[in-house]
Amino acid sequence: MGWFDGMGAIISALFANDAWTLGDALRANPQALWTLGFLVTVLGGLAVMAIYRAVPFIERYFEPTIMVVSYLTIGGIIFMGVIDRFFLNGQPPWSTTVPPFLFLIMTWVGCSYNVKLRTHLAFAEFRTIMPRTGQFACLLLDAVLWLGFAWIVIVTSTQETIGAAANFRFMAGTDNVMQWWFLISVPLAWLLLSGRVFQNLADDLRNYRRGDVMIRQAVIGGDA
C-alpha cells in the first residue's frame, strides 16, 4: 500500500462527523495517516505563519493570552477547591481532574511561544562563536527537528483525541464534559508551534542573506 493510498478514506471519514468511523479509517490506513499528518504539519504551519504576518495583534497576544487564562483558571479552581474542602465540607469532584488538562493546554501553547523566543536549548553561547555557515546550519537543524517533533505529536495526539471522542470519555468527576475537548489542544498547539518554526526559519534566511546577526541571546520570559 502506498503512502497516499487511503488518504481519501480518512478525509471522507473526517467529513462524516463520526469519531468512531474516523478512528477506523485511521487504523486501517496508517501510512496515509502519517502522510496526511506531514501535510497538515507543513501546510498548517505555513498557514499559521501567514495569519501571524497578516494580523500582528494575534501574533503577539494569542499564545500569552491562552497561557495566562489557563494559569489563572487553574489557580482559581484549586483555590476554590481548598476553600470548599476545608471550610465548606465539600469539594467538586472535577476540581482535581480539570486543572491537569488546563495545564496541558498551558504547557504546549507555552512551548509554541518559547519557540518564538528561541529559549528551548538554544546553546547561544556555543553557537555565537561558530562561523555564519555553522550558525545557519544549526538554526536549520533546529527547524528540521522541531517540524519532526511536531509531525509526530500531531499524528499521535490526534489519534488519542479521536479515540477519546469515539469512546465517549468523560472528564472524571463530570457527566457532560468530554476529554477530547481538552486533548485536541495538543495537536492544535503543535500546529501553532510549526507556524513559529517557519516564522523563525524565514527570519533566519533573511538574516543570512543580508549578513545580519544570526544568533541572539534568548531570555526566558522575555518578549520578541
N, C-alpha and C. Protein backbone atom coordinates (compact mmCIF):
# COMPACT_ATOMS: atom_id res chain seq x y z
N MET A 1 0.85 -1.20 0.00
CA MET A 1 0.00 0.00 0.00
C MET A 1 0.88 1.24 0.00
N GLY A 2 0.58 2.21 -0.88
CA GLY A 2 1.36 3.42 -0.97
C GLY A 2 1.07 4.37 0.17
N TRP A 3 1.94 5.38 0.26
CA TRP A 3 1.80 6.34 1.35
C TRP A 3 0.56 7.22 1.19
N PHE A 4 0.06 7.34 -0.05
CA PHE A 4 -1.11 8.18 -0.27
C PHE A 4 -2.40 7.37 -0.37
N ASP A 5 -2.27 6.05 -0.50
CA ASP A 5 -3.46 5.20 -0.58
C ASP A 5 -4.21 5.23 0.76
N GLY A 6 -5.48 5.49 0.70
CA GLY A 6 -6.28 5.54 1.91
C GLY A 6 -6.50 6.94 2.45
N MET A 7 -5.80 7.92 1.88
CA MET A 7 -5.98 9.29 2.36
C MET A 7 -7.40 9.78 2.10
N GLY A 8 -7.96 9.37 0.95
CA GLY A 8 -9.33 9.75 0.64
C GLY A 8 -10.31 9.19 1.65
N ALA A 9 -10.05 7.95 2.11
CA ALA A 9 -10.94 7.34 3.11
C ALA A 9 -10.89 8.10 4.42
N ILE A 10 -9.69 8.56 4.79
CA ILE A 10 -9.55 9.32 6.04
C ILE A 10 -10.28 10.65 5.93
N ILE A 11 -10.11 11.33 4.81
CA ILE A 11 -10.77 12.63 4.63
C ILE A 11 -12.29 12.47 4.59
N SER A 12 -12.76 11.41 3.93
CA SER A 12 -14.20 11.16 3.88
C SER A 12 -14.75 10.88 5.28
N ALA A 13 -14.00 10.10 6.06
CA ALA A 13 -14.43 9.81 7.43
C ALA A 13 -14.44 11.06 8.29
N LEU A 14 -13.49 11.97 8.02
CA LEU A 14 -13.45 13.22 8.77
C LEU A 14 -14.72 14.04 8.55
N PHE A 15 -15.16 14.10 7.30
CA PHE A 15 -16.36 14.88 7.00
C PHE A 15 -17.64 14.13 7.33
N ALA A 16 -17.52 12.86 7.70
CA ALA A 16 -18.70 12.11 8.13
C ALA A 16 -19.14 12.52 9.53
N ASN A 17 -18.26 13.25 10.24
CA ASN A 17 -18.58 13.78 11.57
C ASN A 17 -18.91 12.66 12.56
N ASP A 18 -18.15 11.56 12.46
CA ASP A 18 -18.33 10.44 13.38
C ASP A 18 -16.96 9.98 13.83
N ALA A 19 -16.67 10.11 15.12
CA ALA A 19 -15.34 9.80 15.63
C ALA A 19 -15.00 8.32 15.47
N TRP A 20 -15.98 7.44 15.64
CA TRP A 20 -15.71 6.01 15.52
C TRP A 20 -15.31 5.65 14.09
N THR A 21 -16.03 6.20 13.12
CA THR A 21 -15.70 5.97 11.72
C THR A 21 -14.33 6.51 11.38
N LEU A 22 -14.02 7.69 11.90
CA LEU A 22 -12.71 8.29 11.65
C LEU A 22 -11.60 7.46 12.28
N GLY A 23 -11.84 6.96 13.49
CA GLY A 23 -10.84 6.12 14.14
C GLY A 23 -10.58 4.85 13.36
N ASP A 24 -11.63 4.23 12.83
CA ASP A 24 -11.46 3.03 12.00
C ASP A 24 -10.64 3.35 10.75
N ALA A 25 -10.91 4.50 10.14
CA ALA A 25 -10.18 4.88 8.93
C ALA A 25 -8.70 5.11 9.23
N LEU A 26 -8.40 5.69 10.37
CA LEU A 26 -7.00 5.92 10.74
C LEU A 26 -6.27 4.61 10.99
N ARG A 27 -6.93 3.69 11.68
CA ARG A 27 -6.30 2.40 11.96
C ARG A 27 -6.12 1.56 10.70
N ALA A 28 -7.01 1.73 9.74
CA ALA A 28 -6.94 0.94 8.51
C ALA A 28 -5.92 1.50 7.52
N ASN A 29 -5.53 2.76 7.70
CA ASN A 29 -4.63 3.40 6.74
C ASN A 29 -3.51 4.13 7.48
N PRO A 30 -2.63 3.40 8.17
CA PRO A 30 -1.60 4.06 8.98
C PRO A 30 -0.60 4.87 8.14
N GLN A 31 -0.23 4.36 6.97
CA GLN A 31 0.72 5.09 6.14
C GLN A 31 0.11 6.40 5.64
N ALA A 32 -1.13 6.33 5.21
CA ALA A 32 -1.81 7.55 4.75
C ALA A 32 -1.97 8.54 5.89
N LEU A 33 -2.16 8.03 7.11
CA LEU A 33 -2.29 8.90 8.27
C LEU A 33 -1.03 9.73 8.47
N TRP A 34 0.14 9.08 8.36
CA TRP A 34 1.39 9.80 8.56
C TRP A 34 1.65 10.78 7.41
N THR A 35 1.27 10.39 6.20
CA THR A 35 1.42 11.31 5.07
C THR A 35 0.53 12.53 5.25
N LEU A 36 -0.71 12.29 5.63
CA LEU A 36 -1.64 13.39 5.85
C LEU A 36 -1.18 14.26 7.01
N GLY A 37 -0.65 13.62 8.05
CA GLY A 37 -0.13 14.38 9.19
C GLY A 37 1.03 15.27 8.80
N PHE A 38 1.89 14.78 7.91
CA PHE A 38 3.01 15.60 7.44
C PHE A 38 2.50 16.81 6.66
N LEU A 39 1.52 16.59 5.80
CA LEU A 39 0.96 17.69 5.02
C LEU A 39 0.29 18.72 5.93
N VAL A 40 -0.42 18.24 6.94
CA VAL A 40 -1.07 19.15 7.88
C VAL A 40 -0.02 19.95 8.65
N THR A 41 1.05 19.28 9.06
CA THR A 41 2.10 19.96 9.81
C THR A 41 2.74 21.07 8.99
N VAL A 42 3.07 20.76 7.74
CA VAL A 42 3.76 21.74 6.89
C VAL A 42 2.80 22.83 6.40
N LEU A 43 1.70 22.41 5.78
CA LEU A 43 0.77 23.40 5.22
C LEU A 43 0.07 24.18 6.33
N GLY A 44 -0.27 23.48 7.41
CA GLY A 44 -0.89 24.18 8.53
C GLY A 44 0.06 25.17 9.17
N GLY A 45 1.33 24.79 9.30
CA GLY A 45 2.32 25.71 9.85
C GLY A 45 2.50 26.94 8.98
N LEU A 46 2.53 26.74 7.67
CA LEU A 46 2.64 27.88 6.76
C LEU A 46 1.42 28.78 6.85
N ALA A 47 0.23 28.17 7.03
CA ALA A 47 -0.99 28.96 7.17
C ALA A 47 -0.96 29.78 8.46
N VAL A 48 -0.48 29.16 9.54
CA VAL A 48 -0.37 29.89 10.81
C VAL A 48 0.60 31.06 10.67
N MET A 49 1.73 30.82 10.01
CA MET A 49 2.70 31.90 9.79
C MET A 49 2.07 33.04 8.99
N ALA A 50 1.27 32.69 7.98
CA ALA A 50 0.62 33.72 7.18
C ALA A 50 -0.37 34.53 8.01
N ILE A 51 -1.09 33.85 8.90
CA ILE A 51 -2.04 34.56 9.77
C ILE A 51 -1.29 35.50 10.71
N TYR A 52 -0.19 35.01 11.28
CA TYR A 52 0.59 35.85 12.19
C TYR A 52 1.12 37.09 11.47
N ARG A 53 1.54 36.93 10.24
CA ARG A 53 2.06 38.07 9.50
C ARG A 53 0.95 39.04 9.11
N ALA A 54 -0.23 38.50 8.82
CA ALA A 54 -1.34 39.35 8.40
C ALA A 54 -1.97 40.08 9.57
N VAL A 55 -1.95 39.46 10.75
CA VAL A 55 -2.59 40.06 11.93
C VAL A 55 -1.58 40.08 13.08
N PRO A 56 -0.77 41.12 13.17
CA PRO A 56 0.26 41.19 14.22
C PRO A 56 -0.30 41.11 15.63
N PHE A 57 -1.53 41.57 15.83
CA PHE A 57 -2.13 41.50 17.17
C PHE A 57 -2.25 40.05 17.63
N ILE A 58 -2.69 39.17 16.73
CA ILE A 58 -2.79 37.75 17.07
C ILE A 58 -1.40 37.17 17.31
N GLU A 59 -0.46 37.54 16.46
CA GLU A 59 0.90 37.03 16.58
C GLU A 59 1.50 37.37 17.94
N ARG A 60 1.17 38.53 18.45
CA ARG A 60 1.79 38.99 19.70
C ARG A 60 1.07 38.51 20.95
N TYR A 61 -0.27 38.41 20.89
CA TYR A 61 -1.02 38.21 22.13
C TYR A 61 -1.76 36.87 22.23
N PHE A 62 -1.90 36.12 21.15
CA PHE A 62 -2.74 34.93 21.19
C PHE A 62 -2.21 33.90 22.19
N GLU A 63 -0.97 33.49 22.05
CA GLU A 63 -0.41 32.47 22.95
C GLU A 63 -0.29 32.96 24.39
N PRO A 64 0.24 34.16 24.64
CA PRO A 64 0.28 34.63 26.04
C PRO A 64 -1.09 34.70 26.70
N THR A 65 -2.11 35.08 25.92
CA THR A 65 -3.46 35.15 26.50
C THR A 65 -3.95 33.78 26.93
N ILE A 66 -3.74 32.78 26.08
CA ILE A 66 -4.16 31.42 26.43
C ILE A 66 -3.42 30.93 27.66
N MET A 67 -2.12 31.21 27.73
CA MET A 67 -1.33 30.77 28.88
C MET A 67 -1.81 31.42 30.17
N VAL A 68 -2.03 32.72 30.13
CA VAL A 68 -2.44 33.44 31.34
C VAL A 68 -3.84 33.00 31.78
N VAL A 69 -4.77 32.89 30.83
CA VAL A 69 -6.13 32.46 31.18
C VAL A 69 -6.12 31.05 31.76
N SER A 70 -5.35 30.15 31.16
CA SER A 70 -5.26 28.78 31.68
C SER A 70 -4.68 28.77 33.08
N TYR A 71 -3.62 29.54 33.28
CA TYR A 71 -2.96 29.58 34.59
C TYR A 71 -3.89 30.13 35.67
N LEU A 72 -4.58 31.22 35.37
CA LEU A 72 -5.48 31.82 36.35
C LEU A 72 -6.67 30.90 36.63
N THR A 73 -7.15 30.21 35.61
CA THR A 73 -8.26 29.27 35.81
C THR A 73 -7.83 28.11 36.70
N ILE A 74 -6.63 27.59 36.46
CA ILE A 74 -6.10 26.52 37.32
C ILE A 74 -6.02 26.99 38.76
N GLY A 75 -5.43 28.17 38.95
CA GLY A 75 -5.30 28.71 40.31
C GLY A 75 -6.65 28.93 40.97
N GLY A 76 -7.61 29.44 40.20
CA GLY A 76 -8.94 29.68 40.76
C GLY A 76 -9.64 28.40 41.17
N ILE A 77 -9.54 27.37 40.33
CA ILE A 77 -10.18 26.09 40.64
C ILE A 77 -9.56 25.47 41.89
N ILE A 78 -8.23 25.49 41.96
CA ILE A 78 -7.55 24.90 43.12
C ILE A 78 -7.87 25.68 44.39
N PHE A 79 -7.87 27.00 44.30
CA PHE A 79 -8.18 27.83 45.47
C PHE A 79 -9.59 27.56 45.98
N MET A 80 -10.56 27.54 45.07
CA MET A 80 -11.93 27.28 45.49
C MET A 80 -12.10 25.86 46.00
N GLY A 81 -11.33 24.92 45.43
CA GLY A 81 -11.40 23.55 45.92
C GLY A 81 -10.92 23.44 47.36
N VAL A 82 -9.86 24.17 47.69
CA VAL A 82 -9.35 24.17 49.07
C VAL A 82 -10.37 24.78 50.01
N ILE A 83 -10.96 25.90 49.61
CA ILE A 83 -11.97 26.55 50.45
C ILE A 83 -13.15 25.62 50.67
N ASP A 84 -13.62 25.00 49.59
CA ASP A 84 -14.76 24.10 49.71
C ASP A 84 -14.44 22.91 50.60
N ARG A 85 -13.23 22.39 50.48
CA ARG A 85 -12.89 21.17 51.21
C ARG A 85 -12.72 21.41 52.71
N PHE A 86 -12.05 22.48 53.07
CA PHE A 86 -11.69 22.68 54.47
C PHE A 86 -12.65 23.60 55.23
N PHE A 87 -13.43 24.38 54.50
CA PHE A 87 -14.30 25.32 55.19
C PHE A 87 -15.78 25.07 54.92
N LEU A 88 -16.10 24.46 53.79
CA LEU A 88 -17.50 24.22 53.45
C LEU A 88 -17.84 22.73 53.43
N ASN A 89 -16.89 21.91 53.86
CA ASN A 89 -17.10 20.46 53.98
C ASN A 89 -17.56 19.82 52.67
N GLY A 90 -17.00 20.27 51.59
CA GLY A 90 -17.34 19.68 50.30
C GLY A 90 -16.36 20.15 49.25
N GLN A 91 -16.29 19.41 48.16
CA GLN A 91 -15.38 19.77 47.08
C GLN A 91 -15.91 19.20 45.78
N PRO A 92 -16.02 20.02 44.73
CA PRO A 92 -16.48 19.48 43.44
C PRO A 92 -15.55 18.37 42.97
N PRO A 93 -16.07 17.25 42.56
CA PRO A 93 -15.21 16.13 42.15
C PRO A 93 -14.32 16.45 40.96
N TRP A 94 -14.72 17.41 40.13
CA TRP A 94 -13.92 17.74 38.96
C TRP A 94 -12.79 18.72 39.26
N SER A 95 -12.73 19.23 40.50
CA SER A 95 -11.73 20.24 40.83
C SER A 95 -10.31 19.68 40.84
N THR A 96 -10.17 18.36 40.89
CA THR A 96 -8.84 17.75 40.85
C THR A 96 -8.52 17.13 39.49
N THR A 97 -9.49 17.08 38.59
CA THR A 97 -9.25 16.46 37.28
C THR A 97 -9.17 17.47 36.14
N VAL A 98 -9.87 18.59 36.27
CA VAL A 98 -9.82 19.60 35.21
C VAL A 98 -8.49 20.35 35.17
N PRO A 99 -7.92 20.77 36.32
CA PRO A 99 -6.65 21.51 36.27
C PRO A 99 -5.52 20.84 35.50
N PRO A 100 -5.31 19.51 35.62
CA PRO A 100 -4.23 18.91 34.81
C PRO A 100 -4.45 19.07 33.31
N PHE A 101 -5.69 19.04 32.87
CA PHE A 101 -5.95 19.21 31.44
C PHE A 101 -5.74 20.68 31.02
N LEU A 102 -6.08 21.60 31.92
CA LEU A 102 -5.78 23.01 31.63
C LEU A 102 -4.27 23.25 31.61
N PHE A 103 -3.57 22.54 32.48
CA PHE A 103 -2.11 22.63 32.48
C PHE A 103 -1.54 22.10 31.17
N LEU A 104 -2.18 21.09 30.62
CA LEU A 104 -1.78 20.55 29.31
C LEU A 104 -1.86 21.64 28.24
N ILE A 105 -2.96 22.38 28.26
CA ILE A 105 -3.12 23.47 27.29
C ILE A 105 -2.04 24.53 27.49
N MET A 106 -1.86 24.95 28.75
CA MET A 106 -0.88 25.99 29.05
C MET A 106 0.53 25.56 28.64
N THR A 107 0.86 24.30 28.89
CA THR A 107 2.21 23.81 28.61
C THR A 107 2.54 23.84 27.13
N TRP A 108 1.67 23.28 26.30
CA TRP A 108 2.01 23.16 24.89
C TRP A 108 1.86 24.46 24.14
N VAL A 109 0.91 25.30 24.53
CA VAL A 109 0.85 26.63 23.93
C VAL A 109 2.08 27.44 24.36
N GLY A 110 2.49 27.26 25.61
CA GLY A 110 3.72 27.91 26.07
C GLY A 110 4.94 27.41 25.34
N CYS A 111 4.94 26.14 24.98
CA CYS A 111 6.04 25.58 24.19
C CYS A 111 6.13 26.29 22.85
N SER A 112 4.99 26.51 22.22
CA SER A 112 4.97 27.23 20.95
C SER A 112 5.51 28.64 21.11
N TYR A 113 5.10 29.31 22.18
CA TYR A 113 5.55 30.68 22.40
C TYR A 113 7.06 30.75 22.64
N ASN A 114 7.59 29.77 23.34
CA ASN A 114 9.02 29.76 23.61
C ASN A 114 9.83 29.39 22.37
N VAL A 115 9.22 28.71 21.42
CA VAL A 115 9.90 28.51 20.13
C VAL A 115 10.07 29.87 19.45
N LYS A 116 9.06 30.71 19.57
CA LYS A 116 9.19 32.06 19.04
C LYS A 116 10.36 32.79 19.70
N LEU A 117 10.48 32.64 21.02
CA LEU A 117 11.55 33.33 21.76
C LEU A 117 12.89 32.61 21.65
N ARG A 118 12.89 31.38 21.11
CA ARG A 118 14.10 30.57 20.94
C ARG A 118 14.77 30.28 22.29
N THR A 119 13.98 29.92 23.27
CA THR A 119 14.53 29.64 24.60
C THR A 119 14.63 28.14 24.89
N HIS A 120 14.36 27.30 23.90
CA HIS A 120 14.46 25.85 24.09
C HIS A 120 15.85 25.37 23.70
N LEU A 121 16.72 25.16 24.67
CA LEU A 121 18.06 24.61 24.41
C LEU A 121 18.72 25.32 23.23
N ALA A 122 18.83 26.64 23.33
CA ALA A 122 19.36 27.42 22.21
C ALA A 122 20.88 27.29 22.08
N PHE A 123 21.58 27.06 23.20
CA PHE A 123 23.05 26.97 23.19
C PHE A 123 23.66 28.20 22.51
N ALA A 124 23.12 29.38 22.82
CA ALA A 124 23.55 30.60 22.13
C ALA A 124 25.04 30.88 22.36
N GLU A 125 25.54 30.62 23.57
CA GLU A 125 26.95 30.91 23.85
C GLU A 125 27.87 30.10 22.95
N PHE A 126 27.49 28.86 22.69
CA PHE A 126 28.30 28.00 21.83
C PHE A 126 28.16 28.39 20.37
N ARG A 127 26.94 28.71 19.97
CA ARG A 127 26.70 28.98 18.55
C ARG A 127 27.26 30.33 18.10
N THR A 128 27.34 31.29 19.01
CA THR A 128 27.83 32.61 18.61
C THR A 128 29.30 32.59 18.20
N ILE A 129 30.06 31.61 18.64
CA ILE A 129 31.48 31.55 18.27
C ILE A 129 31.70 30.75 16.99
N MET A 130 30.62 30.22 16.43
CA MET A 130 30.74 29.46 15.18
C MET A 130 30.72 30.41 13.99
N PRO A 131 31.25 29.98 12.84
CA PRO A 131 31.12 30.80 11.63
C PRO A 131 29.66 30.90 11.20
N ARG A 132 29.37 31.88 10.35
CA ARG A 132 27.98 32.13 9.95
C ARG A 132 27.34 30.89 9.32
N THR A 133 28.10 30.18 8.51
CA THR A 133 27.54 28.99 7.88
C THR A 133 27.17 27.95 8.92
N GLY A 134 28.02 27.79 9.93
CA GLY A 134 27.72 26.85 11.01
C GLY A 134 26.52 27.29 11.82
N GLN A 135 26.40 28.59 12.06
CA GLN A 135 25.24 29.10 12.78
C GLN A 135 23.95 28.82 12.01
N PHE A 136 24.00 29.09 10.71
CA PHE A 136 22.81 28.85 9.90
C PHE A 136 22.47 27.36 9.85
N ALA A 137 23.50 26.51 9.79
CA ALA A 137 23.26 25.07 9.78
C ALA A 137 22.58 24.62 11.08
N CYS A 138 23.01 25.20 12.20
CA CYS A 138 22.38 24.86 13.49
C CYS A 138 20.93 25.31 13.53
N LEU A 139 20.67 26.51 13.03
CA LEU A 139 19.30 27.01 13.01
C LEU A 139 18.42 26.18 12.08
N LEU A 140 19.00 25.75 10.96
CA LEU A 140 18.25 24.88 10.05
C LEU A 140 17.97 23.53 10.70
N LEU A 141 18.94 23.02 11.45
CA LEU A 141 18.73 21.77 12.18
C LEU A 141 17.62 21.93 13.22
N ASP A 142 17.59 23.07 13.89
CA ASP A 142 16.51 23.35 14.84
C ASP A 142 15.15 23.23 14.16
N ALA A 143 15.04 23.85 12.99
CA ALA A 143 13.76 23.84 12.27
C ALA A 143 13.36 22.42 11.88
N VAL A 144 14.32 21.65 11.38
CA VAL A 144 14.02 20.27 10.97
C VAL A 144 13.58 19.43 12.16
N LEU A 145 14.28 19.58 13.28
CA LEU A 145 13.94 18.80 14.47
C LEU A 145 12.57 19.19 15.00
N TRP A 146 12.30 20.49 15.08
CA TRP A 146 11.01 20.93 15.60
C TRP A 146 9.87 20.45 14.71
N LEU A 147 10.05 20.54 13.40
CA LEU A 147 9.00 20.08 12.50
C LEU A 147 8.82 18.56 12.60
N GLY A 148 9.92 17.85 12.81
CA GLY A 148 9.81 16.40 13.01
C GLY A 148 9.04 16.07 14.28
N PHE A 149 9.37 16.77 15.36
CA PHE A 149 8.64 16.57 16.61
C PHE A 149 7.16 16.91 16.43
N ALA A 150 6.89 18.02 15.74
CA ALA A 150 5.51 18.45 15.53
C ALA A 150 4.74 17.40 14.72
N TRP A 151 5.37 16.87 13.71
CA TRP A 151 4.73 15.84 12.88
C TRP A 151 4.33 14.64 13.73
N ILE A 152 5.25 14.17 14.56
CA ILE A 152 4.98 13.00 15.39
C ILE A 152 3.87 13.30 16.40
N VAL A 153 3.96 14.43 17.07
CA VAL A 153 2.98 14.76 18.11
C VAL A 153 1.60 15.00 17.51
N ILE A 154 1.54 15.70 16.39
CA ILE A 154 0.24 15.97 15.77
C ILE A 154 -0.45 14.67 15.38
N VAL A 155 0.29 13.74 14.80
CA VAL A 155 -0.31 12.47 14.39
C VAL A 155 -0.76 11.65 15.60
N THR A 156 0.14 11.46 16.56
CA THR A 156 -0.17 10.58 17.69
C THR A 156 -1.23 11.19 18.62
N SER A 157 -1.15 12.49 18.87
CA SER A 157 -2.13 13.11 19.76
C SER A 157 -3.50 13.20 19.09
N THR A 158 -3.52 13.33 17.77
CA THR A 158 -4.80 13.31 17.06
C THR A 158 -5.46 11.95 17.19
N GLN A 159 -4.66 10.89 17.10
CA GLN A 159 -5.21 9.55 17.29
C GLN A 159 -5.81 9.39 18.68
N GLU A 160 -5.10 9.90 19.69
CA GLU A 160 -5.59 9.80 21.06
C GLU A 160 -6.86 10.63 21.24
N THR A 161 -6.90 11.79 20.63
CA THR A 161 -8.09 12.65 20.73
C THR A 161 -9.30 11.98 20.09
N ILE A 162 -9.10 11.41 18.92
CA ILE A 162 -10.20 10.73 18.23
C ILE A 162 -10.65 9.50 19.02
N GLY A 163 -9.69 8.79 19.62
CA GLY A 163 -10.05 7.64 20.45
C GLY A 163 -10.89 8.05 21.65
N ALA A 164 -10.53 9.17 22.26
CA ALA A 164 -11.31 9.66 23.40
C ALA A 164 -12.72 10.05 22.98
N ALA A 165 -12.84 10.67 21.80
CA ALA A 165 -14.16 11.06 21.31
C ALA A 165 -14.99 9.84 20.92
N ALA A 166 -14.35 8.86 20.29
CA ALA A 166 -15.08 7.67 19.83
C ALA A 166 -15.60 6.84 21.00
N ASN A 167 -14.86 6.86 22.10
CA ASN A 167 -15.26 6.06 23.27
C ASN A 167 -16.01 6.88 24.32
N PHE A 168 -16.36 8.10 23.97
CA PHE A 168 -17.15 8.97 24.86
C PHE A 168 -16.53 9.06 26.25
N ARG A 169 -15.25 9.38 26.29
CA ARG A 169 -14.58 9.52 27.58
C ARG A 169 -14.95 10.85 28.21
N PHE A 170 -15.59 10.76 29.35
CA PHE A 170 -15.95 11.96 30.09
C PHE A 170 -14.82 12.33 31.04
N MET A 171 -14.74 13.61 31.34
CA MET A 171 -13.81 14.06 32.36
C MET A 171 -14.23 13.48 33.70
N ALA A 172 -13.28 12.90 34.42
CA ALA A 172 -13.59 12.30 35.72
C ALA A 172 -14.20 13.36 36.64
N GLY A 173 -15.29 12.99 37.28
CA GLY A 173 -15.98 13.92 38.17
C GLY A 173 -17.07 14.71 37.49
N THR A 174 -17.27 14.47 36.20
CA THR A 174 -18.33 15.17 35.47
C THR A 174 -19.17 14.15 34.71
N ASP A 175 -20.31 14.58 34.24
CA ASP A 175 -21.14 13.70 33.42
C ASP A 175 -21.49 14.34 32.07
N ASN A 176 -20.85 15.47 31.76
CA ASN A 176 -21.16 16.13 30.49
C ASN A 176 -19.97 16.87 29.88
N VAL A 177 -18.78 16.67 30.42
CA VAL A 177 -17.58 17.32 29.88
C VAL A 177 -16.69 16.24 29.26
N MET A 178 -16.42 16.37 27.97
CA MET A 178 -15.67 15.35 27.25
C MET A 178 -14.17 15.62 27.33
N GLN A 179 -13.40 14.55 27.42
CA GLN A 179 -11.95 14.70 27.47
C GLN A 179 -11.37 15.26 26.18
N TRP A 180 -11.98 14.89 25.05
CA TRP A 180 -11.39 15.30 23.78
C TRP A 180 -11.45 16.81 23.58
N TRP A 181 -12.34 17.49 24.30
CA TRP A 181 -12.37 18.95 24.21
C TRP A 181 -11.03 19.55 24.66
N PHE A 182 -10.37 18.89 25.59
CA PHE A 182 -9.08 19.35 26.08
C PHE A 182 -7.92 18.73 25.30
N LEU A 183 -8.05 17.46 24.96
CA LEU A 183 -6.96 16.76 24.27
C LEU A 183 -6.67 17.35 22.90
N ILE A 184 -7.70 17.88 22.26
CA ILE A 184 -7.48 18.43 20.92
C ILE A 184 -6.56 19.64 20.94
N SER A 185 -6.37 20.20 22.13
CA SER A 185 -5.46 21.35 22.24
C SER A 185 -4.02 20.96 21.93
N VAL A 186 -3.67 19.69 22.11
CA VAL A 186 -2.28 19.27 21.88
C VAL A 186 -1.90 19.37 20.39
N PRO A 187 -2.64 18.71 19.47
CA PRO A 187 -2.26 18.89 18.06
C PRO A 187 -2.41 20.32 17.59
N LEU A 188 -3.40 21.05 18.11
CA LEU A 188 -3.56 22.44 17.70
C LEU A 188 -2.38 23.29 18.17
N ALA A 189 -1.92 23.05 19.39
CA ALA A 189 -0.78 23.80 19.91
C ALA A 189 0.48 23.51 19.10
N TRP A 190 0.66 22.26 18.70
CA TRP A 190 1.84 21.93 17.90
C TRP A 190 1.71 22.45 16.48
N LEU A 191 0.50 22.67 16.03
CA LEU A 191 0.32 23.33 14.74
C LEU A 191 0.75 24.80 14.85
N LEU A 192 0.42 25.43 15.97
CA LEU A 192 0.92 26.78 16.22
C LEU A 192 2.44 26.78 16.27
N LEU A 193 2.98 25.75 16.91
CA LEU A 193 4.44 25.66 17.03
C LEU A 193 5.09 25.53 15.66
N SER A 194 4.50 24.75 14.77
CA SER A 194 5.09 24.61 13.44
C SER A 194 5.05 25.95 12.70
N GLY A 195 4.02 26.75 12.96
CA GLY A 195 3.97 28.08 12.39
C GLY A 195 5.11 28.95 12.89
N ARG A 196 5.42 28.83 14.19
CA ARG A 196 6.55 29.57 14.75
C ARG A 196 7.87 29.11 14.14
N VAL A 197 7.98 27.81 13.87
CA VAL A 197 9.20 27.29 13.26
C VAL A 197 9.43 27.90 11.88
N PHE A 198 8.38 27.93 11.08
CA PHE A 198 8.51 28.53 9.75
C PHE A 198 8.78 30.04 9.84
N GLN A 199 8.19 30.66 10.84
CA GLN A 199 8.43 32.08 11.06
C GLN A 199 9.90 32.34 11.38
N ASN A 200 10.45 31.53 12.28
CA ASN A 200 11.87 31.67 12.63
C ASN A 200 12.77 31.35 11.44
N LEU A 201 12.39 30.32 10.68
CA LEU A 201 13.20 29.93 9.53
C LEU A 201 13.25 31.04 8.49
N ALA A 202 12.12 31.70 8.27
CA ALA A 202 12.09 32.82 7.32
C ALA A 202 12.99 33.95 7.81
N ASP A 203 12.96 34.22 9.11
CA ASP A 203 13.83 35.26 9.67
C ASP A 203 15.30 34.88 9.51
N ASP A 204 15.61 33.60 9.74
CA ASP A 204 17.00 33.15 9.64
C ASP A 204 17.51 33.26 8.21
N LEU A 205 16.69 32.89 7.25
CA LEU A 205 17.08 33.01 5.84
C LEU A 205 17.33 34.46 5.47
N ARG A 206 16.47 35.35 5.94
CA ARG A 206 16.64 36.76 5.64
C ARG A 206 17.92 37.30 6.28
N ASN A 207 18.17 36.94 7.53
CA ASN A 207 19.38 37.41 8.21
C ASN A 207 20.64 36.87 7.54
N TYR A 208 20.59 35.63 7.10
CA TYR A 208 21.76 35.03 6.46
C TYR A 208 22.07 35.72 5.14
N ARG A 209 21.05 36.02 4.37
CA ARG A 209 21.27 36.66 3.08
C ARG A 209 21.73 38.10 3.22
N ARG A 210 21.25 38.79 4.24
CA ARG A 210 21.60 40.20 4.44
C ARG A 210 22.90 40.39 5.20
N GLY A 211 23.40 39.31 5.80
CA GLY A 211 24.60 39.44 6.60
C GLY A 211 24.34 39.97 7.99
N ASP A 212 23.08 39.91 8.44
CA ASP A 212 22.74 40.38 9.78
C ASP A 212 23.14 39.34 10.83
N VAL A 213 23.01 39.73 12.09
CA VAL A 213 23.34 38.83 13.20
C VAL A 213 22.41 37.62 13.15
N MET A 214 23.00 36.43 13.26
CA MET A 214 22.22 35.20 13.17
C MET A 214 21.73 34.72 14.53
N ILE A 215 22.60 34.79 15.53
CA ILE A 215 22.29 34.25 16.85
C ILE A 215 22.19 35.40 17.84
N ARG A 216 21.07 35.47 18.53
CA ARG A 216 20.88 36.47 19.58
C ARG A 216 20.60 35.76 20.90
N GLN A 217 21.02 36.38 21.97
CA GLN A 217 20.82 35.78 23.29
C GLN A 217 19.33 35.75 23.62
N ALA A 218 18.81 34.57 23.89
CA ALA A 218 17.39 34.41 24.23
C ALA A 218 17.21 34.56 25.74
N VAL A 219 16.07 35.12 26.13
CA VAL A 219 15.76 35.33 27.54
C VAL A 219 14.43 34.67 27.84
N ILE A 220 14.43 33.73 28.78
CA ILE A 220 13.20 33.06 29.17
C ILE A 220 12.26 34.07 29.82
N GLY A 221 11.04 34.12 29.34
CA GLY A 221 10.08 35.08 29.85
C GLY A 221 10.20 36.45 29.21
N GLY A 222 11.09 36.56 28.21
CA GLY A 222 11.26 37.83 27.53
C GLY A 222 10.20 38.03 26.47
N ASP A 223 10.41 39.03 25.65
CA ASP A 223 9.46 39.35 24.59
C ASP A 223 10.23 39.44 23.28
N ALA A 224 9.50 39.21 22.19
CA ALA A 224 10.14 39.25 20.88
C ALA A 224 9.21 39.87 19.86
